[in-house]
N, C-alpha and C. Protein backbone atom coordinates (compact mmCIF):
# COMPACT_ATOMS: atom_id res chain seq x y z
N MET A 1 -37.52 -21.09 -68.07
CA MET A 1 -36.79 -20.17 -67.22
C MET A 1 -37.41 -20.20 -65.82
N GLU A 2 -36.56 -20.10 -64.81
CA GLU A 2 -37.05 -20.09 -63.45
C GLU A 2 -36.45 -18.91 -62.73
N ALA A 3 -37.09 -18.57 -61.58
CA ALA A 3 -36.60 -17.42 -60.81
C ALA A 3 -36.92 -17.67 -59.33
N VAL A 4 -36.15 -16.99 -58.50
CA VAL A 4 -36.44 -16.93 -57.05
C VAL A 4 -36.66 -15.48 -56.72
N PHE A 5 -37.85 -15.17 -56.13
CA PHE A 5 -38.09 -13.79 -55.76
C PHE A 5 -38.53 -13.75 -54.31
N LYS A 6 -38.44 -12.53 -53.75
CA LYS A 6 -38.76 -12.34 -52.34
C LYS A 6 -40.01 -11.48 -52.25
N ASP A 7 -40.94 -11.92 -51.40
CA ASP A 7 -42.20 -11.18 -51.17
C ASP A 7 -42.70 -11.48 -49.78
N GLY A 8 -42.94 -10.45 -49.01
CA GLY A 8 -43.51 -10.62 -47.68
C GLY A 8 -42.62 -11.38 -46.73
N GLY A 9 -41.29 -11.27 -46.88
CA GLY A 9 -40.38 -11.93 -45.97
C GLY A 9 -40.14 -13.39 -46.32
N ARG A 10 -40.71 -13.87 -47.42
CA ARG A 10 -40.52 -15.25 -47.86
C ARG A 10 -39.94 -15.25 -49.27
N GLN A 11 -39.31 -16.36 -49.62
CA GLN A 11 -38.77 -16.52 -50.95
C GLN A 11 -39.53 -17.61 -51.67
N TYR A 12 -39.81 -17.36 -52.97
CA TYR A 12 -40.57 -18.30 -53.78
C TYR A 12 -39.75 -18.68 -55.00
N ARG A 13 -39.68 -19.98 -55.31
CA ARG A 13 -39.01 -20.47 -56.52
C ARG A 13 -40.09 -20.81 -57.51
N VAL A 14 -40.10 -20.18 -58.67
CA VAL A 14 -41.19 -20.32 -59.63
C VAL A 14 -40.68 -20.51 -61.05
N LYS A 15 -41.54 -21.10 -61.87
CA LYS A 15 -41.35 -21.18 -63.31
C LYS A 15 -42.57 -20.53 -63.97
N GLU A 16 -42.47 -20.25 -65.25
CA GLU A 16 -43.61 -19.66 -65.94
C GLU A 16 -44.75 -20.68 -65.97
N GLY A 17 -45.95 -20.22 -65.61
CA GLY A 17 -47.12 -21.08 -65.59
C GLY A 17 -47.47 -21.63 -64.21
N ASP A 18 -46.57 -21.45 -63.21
CA ASP A 18 -46.85 -21.93 -61.86
C ASP A 18 -47.91 -21.09 -61.18
N THR A 19 -48.65 -21.69 -60.25
CA THR A 19 -49.60 -20.94 -59.41
C THR A 19 -49.14 -21.05 -57.97
N LEU A 20 -49.30 -19.96 -57.23
CA LEU A 20 -48.92 -19.96 -55.82
C LEU A 20 -49.75 -18.94 -55.07
N ASP A 21 -49.73 -19.07 -53.73
CA ASP A 21 -50.44 -18.16 -52.87
C ASP A 21 -49.47 -17.22 -52.24
N VAL A 22 -49.72 -15.92 -52.35
CA VAL A 22 -48.88 -14.89 -51.73
C VAL A 22 -49.75 -14.08 -50.76
N ASP A 23 -49.10 -13.24 -49.97
CA ASP A 23 -49.82 -12.44 -48.96
C ASP A 23 -50.92 -11.61 -49.63
N PHE A 24 -52.00 -11.42 -48.93
CA PHE A 24 -53.17 -10.72 -49.44
C PHE A 24 -52.86 -9.27 -49.73
N ARG A 25 -53.37 -8.81 -50.87
CA ARG A 25 -53.36 -7.40 -51.27
C ARG A 25 -54.72 -7.10 -51.88
N PRO A 26 -55.20 -5.87 -51.75
CA PRO A 26 -56.51 -5.57 -52.35
C PRO A 26 -56.42 -5.34 -53.85
N ILE A 27 -56.30 -6.44 -54.61
CA ILE A 27 -56.25 -6.39 -56.08
C ILE A 27 -57.38 -7.25 -56.61
N GLU A 28 -58.05 -6.74 -57.66
CA GLU A 28 -59.18 -7.47 -58.23
C GLU A 28 -58.70 -8.69 -59.01
N LYS A 29 -59.63 -9.64 -59.17
CA LYS A 29 -59.36 -10.84 -59.97
C LYS A 29 -59.08 -10.41 -61.42
N GLY A 30 -58.05 -10.95 -62.01
CA GLY A 30 -57.68 -10.59 -63.38
C GLY A 30 -56.65 -9.48 -63.46
N GLY A 31 -56.34 -8.86 -62.35
CA GLY A 31 -55.31 -7.82 -62.33
C GLY A 31 -53.91 -8.41 -62.42
N THR A 32 -52.93 -7.56 -62.58
CA THR A 32 -51.55 -8.02 -62.66
C THR A 32 -50.80 -7.59 -61.43
N LEU A 33 -49.78 -8.36 -61.10
CA LEU A 33 -48.94 -8.11 -59.95
C LEU A 33 -47.50 -8.31 -60.40
N GLU A 34 -46.61 -7.43 -59.96
CA GLU A 34 -45.23 -7.48 -60.39
C GLU A 34 -44.31 -7.57 -59.17
N PHE A 35 -43.40 -8.54 -59.18
CA PHE A 35 -42.44 -8.72 -58.12
C PHE A 35 -41.09 -8.26 -58.65
N SER A 36 -40.48 -7.25 -58.03
CA SER A 36 -39.24 -6.72 -58.52
C SER A 36 -38.02 -7.14 -57.72
N GLU A 37 -38.22 -7.75 -56.55
CA GLU A 37 -37.08 -8.22 -55.75
C GLU A 37 -36.73 -9.64 -56.19
N VAL A 38 -36.07 -9.76 -57.33
CA VAL A 38 -35.69 -11.07 -57.88
C VAL A 38 -34.27 -11.40 -57.43
N LEU A 39 -34.10 -12.55 -56.79
CA LEU A 39 -32.81 -12.93 -56.24
C LEU A 39 -32.01 -13.81 -57.21
N TYR A 40 -32.69 -14.53 -58.12
CA TYR A 40 -32.03 -15.46 -59.01
C TYR A 40 -32.86 -15.60 -60.26
N VAL A 41 -32.19 -15.62 -61.44
CA VAL A 41 -32.85 -15.90 -62.70
C VAL A 41 -31.98 -16.89 -63.46
N GLY A 42 -32.56 -17.95 -63.96
CA GLY A 42 -31.79 -18.96 -64.70
C GLY A 42 -32.69 -20.01 -65.28
N GLY A 43 -32.07 -21.11 -65.69
CA GLY A 43 -32.84 -22.23 -66.21
C GLY A 43 -32.56 -22.44 -67.68
N GLU A 44 -33.51 -23.10 -68.35
CA GLU A 44 -33.35 -23.43 -69.78
C GLU A 44 -33.32 -22.17 -70.62
N GLY A 45 -32.56 -22.21 -71.68
CA GLY A 45 -32.52 -21.10 -72.62
C GLY A 45 -31.53 -20.02 -72.27
N GLN A 46 -30.83 -20.12 -71.16
CA GLN A 46 -29.83 -19.13 -70.79
C GLN A 46 -28.50 -19.83 -70.58
N ALA A 47 -27.41 -19.22 -71.04
CA ALA A 47 -26.10 -19.85 -70.91
C ALA A 47 -25.66 -19.88 -69.46
N ALA A 48 -25.90 -18.82 -68.72
CA ALA A 48 -25.49 -18.78 -67.32
C ALA A 48 -26.61 -18.19 -66.47
N ALA A 49 -26.68 -18.68 -65.27
CA ALA A 49 -27.66 -18.17 -64.33
C ALA A 49 -27.18 -16.83 -63.80
N ARG A 50 -28.13 -15.98 -63.48
CA ARG A 50 -27.79 -14.66 -62.88
C ARG A 50 -28.21 -14.66 -61.44
N ILE A 51 -27.24 -14.46 -60.56
CA ILE A 51 -27.48 -14.42 -59.13
C ILE A 51 -27.30 -12.99 -58.65
N GLY A 52 -28.26 -12.48 -57.95
CA GLY A 52 -28.24 -11.08 -57.51
C GLY A 52 -27.41 -10.88 -56.28
N ARG A 53 -26.94 -9.64 -56.10
CA ARG A 53 -26.18 -9.26 -54.90
C ARG A 53 -26.75 -7.98 -54.35
N PRO A 54 -27.84 -7.88 -53.67
CA PRO A 54 -28.76 -8.95 -53.28
C PRO A 54 -29.83 -9.25 -54.34
N THR A 55 -30.09 -8.32 -55.25
CA THR A 55 -31.13 -8.61 -56.25
C THR A 55 -30.53 -8.47 -57.65
N VAL A 56 -31.19 -9.10 -58.64
CA VAL A 56 -30.77 -9.04 -60.01
C VAL A 56 -31.33 -7.75 -60.60
N GLY A 57 -30.47 -6.91 -61.13
CA GLY A 57 -30.88 -5.62 -61.67
C GLY A 57 -31.73 -5.80 -62.93
N GLY A 58 -32.86 -5.13 -62.96
CA GLY A 58 -33.75 -5.15 -64.14
C GLY A 58 -34.60 -6.38 -64.27
N ALA A 59 -34.52 -7.31 -63.38
CA ALA A 59 -35.32 -8.53 -63.46
C ALA A 59 -36.67 -8.34 -62.75
N ARG A 60 -37.72 -8.90 -63.36
CA ARG A 60 -39.07 -8.82 -62.77
C ARG A 60 -39.80 -10.11 -63.04
N VAL A 61 -40.73 -10.40 -62.15
CA VAL A 61 -41.63 -11.53 -62.31
C VAL A 61 -43.05 -10.98 -62.35
N ARG A 62 -43.75 -11.23 -63.47
CA ARG A 62 -45.12 -10.73 -63.60
C ARG A 62 -46.10 -11.87 -63.40
N ALA A 63 -47.21 -11.58 -62.68
CA ALA A 63 -48.20 -12.59 -62.37
C ALA A 63 -49.62 -12.03 -62.57
N ILE A 64 -50.55 -12.93 -62.86
CA ILE A 64 -51.96 -12.58 -63.00
C ILE A 64 -52.68 -13.05 -61.74
N VAL A 65 -53.53 -12.19 -61.19
CA VAL A 65 -54.27 -12.54 -59.96
C VAL A 65 -55.47 -13.42 -60.33
N LEU A 66 -55.52 -14.59 -59.73
CA LEU A 66 -56.66 -15.52 -59.95
C LEU A 66 -57.76 -15.33 -58.94
N GLY A 67 -57.49 -14.64 -57.83
CA GLY A 67 -58.54 -14.37 -56.85
C GLY A 67 -58.08 -14.63 -55.43
N PRO A 68 -58.88 -14.16 -54.46
CA PRO A 68 -58.53 -14.37 -53.07
C PRO A 68 -58.86 -15.79 -52.61
N VAL A 69 -58.02 -16.32 -51.75
CA VAL A 69 -58.25 -17.64 -51.13
C VAL A 69 -57.91 -17.54 -49.65
N LYS A 70 -58.34 -18.54 -48.90
CA LYS A 70 -58.03 -18.60 -47.47
C LYS A 70 -57.16 -19.79 -47.21
N GLY A 71 -56.25 -19.64 -46.26
CA GLY A 71 -55.40 -20.74 -45.85
C GLY A 71 -56.18 -21.74 -45.00
N LYS A 72 -55.49 -22.79 -44.57
CA LYS A 72 -56.19 -23.79 -43.74
C LYS A 72 -56.43 -23.22 -42.35
N LYS A 73 -57.43 -23.74 -41.70
CA LYS A 73 -57.86 -23.22 -40.40
C LYS A 73 -56.86 -23.63 -39.31
N LEU A 74 -56.43 -22.64 -38.53
CA LEU A 74 -55.56 -22.86 -37.41
C LEU A 74 -56.33 -22.63 -36.11
N ILE A 75 -56.12 -23.49 -35.15
CA ILE A 75 -56.86 -23.42 -33.88
C ILE A 75 -55.88 -23.05 -32.76
N ALA A 76 -56.22 -22.03 -32.01
CA ALA A 76 -55.47 -21.65 -30.81
C ALA A 76 -56.37 -21.92 -29.60
N ALA A 77 -55.83 -22.64 -28.64
CA ALA A 77 -56.64 -22.99 -27.46
C ALA A 77 -55.91 -22.65 -26.18
N LYS A 78 -56.66 -22.15 -25.21
CA LYS A 78 -56.10 -21.88 -23.87
C LYS A 78 -56.87 -22.77 -22.89
N PHE A 79 -56.18 -23.32 -21.94
CA PHE A 79 -56.80 -24.17 -20.94
C PHE A 79 -56.02 -24.03 -19.62
N ARG A 80 -56.76 -23.73 -18.58
CA ARG A 80 -56.18 -23.70 -17.23
C ARG A 80 -56.90 -24.72 -16.36
N ARG A 81 -56.18 -25.63 -15.86
CA ARG A 81 -56.84 -26.69 -15.10
C ARG A 81 -57.42 -26.13 -13.80
N ARG A 82 -58.56 -26.63 -13.44
CA ARG A 82 -59.29 -26.31 -12.20
C ARG A 82 -59.73 -24.84 -12.12
N LYS A 83 -59.63 -24.06 -13.16
CA LYS A 83 -60.02 -22.66 -13.11
C LYS A 83 -61.26 -22.37 -13.95
N GLY A 84 -61.69 -23.32 -14.75
CA GLY A 84 -62.87 -23.13 -15.59
C GLY A 84 -62.56 -22.29 -16.84
N LEU A 85 -61.30 -22.17 -17.21
CA LEU A 85 -60.93 -21.40 -18.37
C LEU A 85 -60.70 -22.32 -19.56
N HIS A 86 -61.59 -22.22 -20.53
CA HIS A 86 -61.47 -22.96 -21.79
C HIS A 86 -61.70 -21.94 -22.89
N LYS A 87 -60.71 -21.64 -23.69
CA LYS A 87 -60.89 -20.69 -24.75
C LYS A 87 -60.36 -21.29 -26.04
N ARG A 88 -61.13 -21.15 -27.09
CA ARG A 88 -60.75 -21.76 -28.37
C ARG A 88 -61.03 -20.73 -29.47
N VAL A 89 -60.02 -20.39 -30.24
CA VAL A 89 -60.15 -19.39 -31.31
C VAL A 89 -59.60 -19.96 -32.60
N GLY A 90 -60.32 -19.77 -33.70
CA GLY A 90 -59.86 -20.22 -35.00
C GLY A 90 -59.45 -19.05 -35.87
N HIS A 91 -58.55 -19.32 -36.83
CA HIS A 91 -58.07 -18.26 -37.73
C HIS A 91 -57.78 -18.88 -39.09
N ARG A 92 -58.17 -18.15 -40.16
CA ARG A 92 -57.83 -18.52 -41.53
C ARG A 92 -57.18 -17.32 -42.19
N GLN A 93 -55.92 -17.48 -42.56
CA GLN A 93 -55.14 -16.38 -43.14
C GLN A 93 -55.58 -16.13 -44.58
N PRO A 94 -55.85 -14.87 -44.96
CA PRO A 94 -56.22 -14.60 -46.36
C PRO A 94 -54.97 -14.50 -47.23
N TYR A 95 -55.07 -15.05 -48.44
CA TYR A 95 -54.00 -15.01 -49.44
C TYR A 95 -54.64 -14.61 -50.79
N ILE A 96 -53.81 -14.33 -51.78
CA ILE A 96 -54.30 -14.25 -53.14
C ILE A 96 -53.55 -15.27 -53.98
N LYS A 97 -54.28 -15.96 -54.82
CA LYS A 97 -53.67 -16.96 -55.71
C LYS A 97 -53.28 -16.25 -56.99
N VAL A 98 -52.01 -16.44 -57.40
CA VAL A 98 -51.49 -15.81 -58.60
C VAL A 98 -50.92 -16.90 -59.52
N LYS A 99 -50.91 -16.60 -60.80
CA LYS A 99 -50.32 -17.45 -61.82
C LYS A 99 -49.18 -16.69 -62.45
N ILE A 100 -47.99 -17.28 -62.47
CA ILE A 100 -46.81 -16.62 -63.01
C ILE A 100 -46.95 -16.54 -64.54
N GLU A 101 -46.94 -15.33 -65.04
CA GLU A 101 -47.15 -15.12 -66.49
C GLU A 101 -45.82 -15.03 -67.22
N LYS A 102 -44.88 -14.23 -66.70
CA LYS A 102 -43.64 -14.01 -67.41
C LYS A 102 -42.51 -13.69 -66.45
N ILE A 103 -41.35 -14.22 -66.75
CA ILE A 103 -40.13 -13.90 -66.00
C ILE A 103 -39.23 -13.11 -66.91
N GLU A 104 -38.96 -11.86 -66.56
CA GLU A 104 -38.10 -11.00 -67.35
C GLU A 104 -36.77 -10.82 -66.65
N GLY A 105 -35.70 -10.90 -67.39
CA GLY A 105 -34.44 -10.65 -66.74
C GLY A 105 -33.32 -11.23 -67.51
């Protein structure tokens, strides 16, 4: 079974057992996370796919938190010629890695 859910302004297409990085939340490792804004549920084992308008009623995606991770490093640089201005700033976005445990719906 697969699902498409919305979290943090982005949509994720997942199957049971998938791992993905979602926006950081202060949840401990081993905790559970539930996504209730499910836009699509379907796949093997179901006669017809359910498409939400805008969400599928009663559908949920449950995930187990594997721990916090950081994204890749992004560099922002400012440079003004002949002015002596050289500025370089790095940033690593925090995420939490989750494993999809169950798709209900």
